[in-house]
Amino acid sequence: DVGYGGAGCEQCPAGAHKASVGSALCSDCEVGAHQPTPGASACEQCEPGRFQPQAGASRCEECPAGTFINTSGASACLACPAEHSASPAGSTSVADCECAPGFTGGGGELVCVECGPGTFKPDAGPGACERCTRRPLGAQYKTREAGPETEDACLWECAAGYVLDPAVGSMGQCAEASRVSFTTALYGITLAVFEAEYREAWLSGVAGAAQGQRR
């Protein structure tokens, strides 16, 4: 009978089929197809959003995030066309591809642009980058290698003519360089060129020393 093969008329396993009567062997499902049920007479093509690169499969795989497929019977999914774009798992159309968090853009030809200094974007999609609001007076925003996704990623540094204020310490505020020159002169070092990883500890010491001088 159909769905059974071989001299012993054994039921075709999942991932295989047999469409004709007789003693012929069961055949594996082709790539891009599957059959979850034993004893089947035909295989089923993978639906859009799913694929199968192997023959003899009992199920199709979901397209991973960042890919899509809009046709049936696919052996592979297509990557979203733009760098820094993404799509949910199981996507069926290029329209499902959106700019990732930290990048903005959209339209007919998907082009994703990194959020610039002083902006961030927490969600995927074509929305605009939001403006950072935590920069202190006398500071400017830094650029980043990857688009900032949260306001916590809006990094800043003291602008030209400003240095970290020892009275505040630990990257808290910038002050005009002339106002803190007496402190830097005391230690023979310039805050603007001091290594970033040592600033916090050094500034804490400077603030303590300045406080002691006031007593």
Protein backbone atom coordinates (compact mmCIF):
# COMPACT_ATOMS: atom_id res chain seq x y z
CA ASP A 1 0.00 0.00 0.00
CA VAL A 2 1.08 3.66 -0.20
CA GLY A 3 3.09 4.71 2.84
CA TYR A 4 4.54 1.18 3.14
CA GLY A 5 7.63 -0.14 1.42
CA GLY A 6 10.00 -3.05 1.00
CA ALA A 7 9.36 -6.79 0.70
CA GLY A 8 7.87 -6.83 4.20
CA CYS A 9 5.55 -3.87 3.54
CA GLU A 10 7.00 -1.93 6.48
CA GLN A 11 5.50 1.42 7.35
CA CYS A 12 7.56 4.38 6.09
CA PRO A 13 9.14 6.22 9.05
CA ALA A 14 8.72 9.92 9.78
CA GLY A 15 10.83 11.90 7.29
CA ALA A 16 10.03 9.47 4.46
CA HIS A 17 7.17 8.66 2.06
CA LYS A 18 5.96 6.28 -0.63
CA ALA A 19 3.32 7.33 -3.13
CA SER A 20 2.82 4.08 -5.07
CA VAL A 21 1.58 0.57 -4.38
CA GLY A 22 4.19 -2.17 -4.55
CA SER A 23 7.36 -3.38 -2.90
CA ALA A 24 9.50 -0.35 -3.67
CA LEU A 25 11.39 1.19 -0.75
CA CYS A 26 10.28 4.37 1.00
CA SER A 27 12.01 7.57 -0.12
CA ASP A 28 13.43 10.29 2.13
CA CYS A 29 11.79 13.70 2.03
CA GLU A 30 13.84 16.13 -0.07
CA VAL A 31 15.59 19.18 1.36
CA GLY A 32 13.08 21.93 2.02
CA ALA A 33 10.42 19.38 2.98
CA HIS A 34 9.40 17.28 5.98
CA GLN A 35 6.97 14.61 7.10
CA PRO A 36 6.22 14.24 10.82
CA THR A 37 3.83 11.30 10.43
CA PRO A 38 4.91 7.68 9.70
CA GLY A 39 3.21 5.87 6.81
CA ALA A 40 2.83 8.98 4.66
CA SER A 41 2.34 8.95 0.91
CA ALA A 42 3.92 12.39 0.39
CA CYS A 43 6.11 14.94 2.11
CA GLU A 44 5.11 18.49 2.94
CA GLN A 45 7.07 21.56 1.90
CA CYS A 46 8.42 23.82 4.63
CA GLU A 47 6.19 26.85 5.10
CA PRO A 48 7.47 30.43 4.68
CA GLY A 49 9.52 31.37 7.74
CA ARG A 50 10.84 27.79 8.07
CA PHE A 51 13.54 25.77 6.30
CA GLN A 52 15.19 22.34 6.20
CA PRO A 53 18.68 21.81 4.75
CA GLN A 54 18.71 18.02 5.27
CA ALA A 55 16.88 15.22 3.43
CA GLY A 56 14.76 12.79 5.44
CA ALA A 57 13.61 15.35 8.02
CA SER A 58 10.55 14.93 10.21
CA ARG A 59 10.15 18.68 10.80
CA CYS A 60 11.26 22.05 9.44
CA GLU A 61 13.38 24.52 11.39
CA GLU A 62 12.35 28.08 12.19
CA CYS A 63 14.39 30.81 10.49
CA PRO A 64 16.69 32.24 13.17
CA ALA A 65 16.50 35.89 14.25
CA GLY A 66 18.08 38.21 11.68
CA THR A 67 16.89 36.09 8.73
CA PHE A 68 13.67 35.47 6.77
CA ILE A 69 12.24 33.35 3.96
CA ASN A 70 9.11 34.25 1.99
CA THR A 71 8.72 31.06 -0.08
CA SER A 72 7.73 27.46 0.62
CA GLY A 73 10.15 24.57 0.34
CA ALA A 74 13.24 26.51 1.41
CA SER A 75 16.51 24.80 2.28
CA ALA A 76 17.94 28.01 3.83
CA CYS A 77 16.81 31.43 5.06
CA LEU A 78 17.98 34.81 3.73
CA ALA A 79 19.85 37.29 5.89
CA CYS A 80 18.35 40.73 6.51
CA PRO A 81 19.81 43.05 3.87
CA ALA A 82 21.28 45.81 6.00
CA GLU A 83 24.12 45.73 8.48
CA HIS A 84 22.87 46.23 12.03
CA SER A 85 19.35 45.11 11.14
CA ALA A 86 17.44 42.23 12.73
CA SER A 87 14.19 40.30 12.50
CA PRO A 88 12.28 37.98 14.85
CA ALA A 89 12.75 34.23 14.52
CA GLY A 90 10.40 32.73 11.92
CA SER A 91 10.17 35.89 9.80
CA THR A 92 8.48 35.52 6.41
CA SER A 93 9.30 38.82 4.72
CA VAL A 94 12.11 41.34 4.29
CA ALA A 95 9.64 43.82 5.78
CA ASP A 96 10.18 42.02 9.10
CA CYS A 97 13.80 43.23 9.11
CA GLU A 98 14.21 46.35 11.22
CA CYS A 99 17.13 48.42 12.43
CA ALA A 100 18.54 47.05 15.67
CA PRO A 101 18.58 49.03 18.93
CA GLY A 102 21.20 51.78 18.70
CA PHE A 103 20.57 52.24 14.96
CA THR A 104 17.88 54.10 13.03
CA GLY A 105 16.55 53.92 9.48
CA GLY A 106 13.97 52.17 7.32
CA GLY A 107 11.99 52.56 4.14
CA GLY A 108 12.08 50.70 0.82
CA GLU A 109 15.84 50.11 0.94
CA LEU A 110 16.76 49.31 4.50
CA VAL A 111 19.79 51.32 5.62
CA CYS A 112 20.57 51.41 9.33
CA VAL A 113 22.59 54.35 10.65
CA GLU A 114 24.27 54.39 14.05
CA CYS A 115 22.84 56.80 16.61
CA GLY A 116 25.31 59.67 16.83
CA PRO A 117 27.04 61.19 19.86
CA GLY A 118 24.53 62.37 22.44
CA THR A 119 21.72 60.10 21.25
CA PHE A 120 20.51 56.55 21.90
CA LYS A 121 17.74 54.16 20.79
CA PRO A 122 16.49 51.35 23.05
CA ASP A 123 14.16 49.53 20.62
CA ALA A 124 14.37 47.89 17.21
CA GLY A 125 12.51 49.57 14.35
CA PRO A 126 12.57 52.74 12.24
CA GLY A 127 12.16 55.13 15.17
CA ALA A 128 14.42 58.13 15.64
CA CYS A 129 17.30 58.19 18.09
CA GLU A 130 16.51 59.89 21.40
CA ARG A 131 18.58 62.71 22.85
CA CYS A 132 20.70 62.05 25.93
CA THR A 133 20.03 64.38 28.87
CA ARG A 134 22.66 63.53 31.51
CA ARG A 135 25.63 65.53 30.24
CA PRO A 136 26.94 67.94 32.88
CA LEU A 137 27.92 71.54 32.18
CA GLY A 138 31.26 71.80 30.38
CA ALA A 139 31.11 68.26 28.93
CA GLN A 140 30.67 66.83 25.45
CA TYR A 141 29.40 63.42 24.33
CA LYS A 142 31.83 60.79 23.06
CA THR A 143 31.39 58.70 19.94
CA ARG A 144 31.05 54.91 20.28
CA GLU A 145 31.99 51.96 18.10
CA ALA A 146 28.44 50.55 18.39
CA GLY A 147 25.19 52.47 18.56
CA PRO A 148 24.13 53.29 22.14
CA GLU A 149 21.00 51.41 23.19
CA THR A 150 20.31 53.09 26.55
CA GLU A 151 20.96 56.47 28.08
CA ASP A 152 23.47 54.82 30.41
CA ALA A 153 25.59 54.27 27.28
CA CYS A 154 25.74 58.01 26.56
CA LEU A 155 29.38 58.54 27.51
CA TRP A 156 30.76 62.04 27.99
CA GLU A 157 34.10 63.73 28.52
CA CYS A 158 35.12 67.22 29.55
CA ALA A 159 35.25 69.64 26.63
CA ALA A 160 38.33 71.66 25.67
CA GLY A 161 39.20 74.10 28.46
CA TYR A 162 37.46 71.96 31.10
CA VAL A 163 38.72 69.23 33.42
CA LEU A 164 37.13 66.97 36.00
CA ASP A 165 36.26 68.97 39.08
CA PRO A 166 38.21 67.58 42.09
CA ALA A 167 35.65 69.08 44.45
CA VAL A 168 33.01 66.76 42.98
CA GLY A 169 35.21 63.85 41.95
CA SER A 170 34.61 60.57 40.14
CA MET A 171 33.46 61.83 36.72
CA GLY A 172 30.68 63.86 38.32
CA GLN A 173 31.20 67.33 36.87
CA CYS A 174 33.51 69.39 34.67
CA ALA A 175 35.00 72.72 35.70
CA GLU A 176 37.00 75.38 33.90
CA ALA A 177 40.64 74.36 33.90
CA SER A 178 41.72 77.71 35.33
CA ARG A 179 39.58 77.17 38.43
CA VAL A 180 41.31 73.91 39.38
CA SER A 181 44.82 74.71 38.15
CA PHE A 182 46.07 75.23 41.73
CA THR A 183 45.09 71.63 42.56
CA THR A 184 46.76 70.09 39.52
CA ALA A 185 49.86 72.21 40.08
CA LEU A 186 50.09 70.90 43.64
CA TYR A 187 50.49 67.36 42.33
CA GLY A 188 52.39 68.27 39.15
CA ILE A 189 49.93 66.54 36.85
CA THR A 190 47.18 67.55 34.41
CA LEU A 191 43.77 65.92 34.81
CA ALA A 192 43.00 66.16 31.10
CA VAL A 193 45.75 63.69 30.18
CA PHE A 194 45.58 61.40 33.20
CA GLU A 195 44.67 57.79 32.37
CA ALA A 196 40.90 57.23 32.66
CA GLU A 197 41.16 54.13 34.82
CA TYR A 198 43.11 56.05 37.50
CA ARG A 199 41.01 59.21 37.54
CA GLU A 200 38.47 58.13 40.12
CA ALA A 201 41.01 57.02 42.73
CA TRP A 202 43.25 60.03 42.12
CA LEU A 203 40.39 62.51 42.27
CA SER A 204 39.20 61.03 45.55
CA GLY A 205 42.63 61.69 47.01
CA VAL A 206 42.73 65.22 45.65
CA ALA A 207 39.30 66.01 47.03
CA GLY A 208 40.37 64.72 50.46
CA ALA A 209 43.53 66.79 50.41
CA ALA A 210 41.64 69.93 49.38
CA GLN A 211 39.13 69.36 52.14
CA GLY A 212 41.94 68.99 54.69
CA GLN A 213 43.48 72.29 53.60
CA ARG A 214 40.19 74.08 54.27
CA ARG A 215 40.19 72.94 57.93
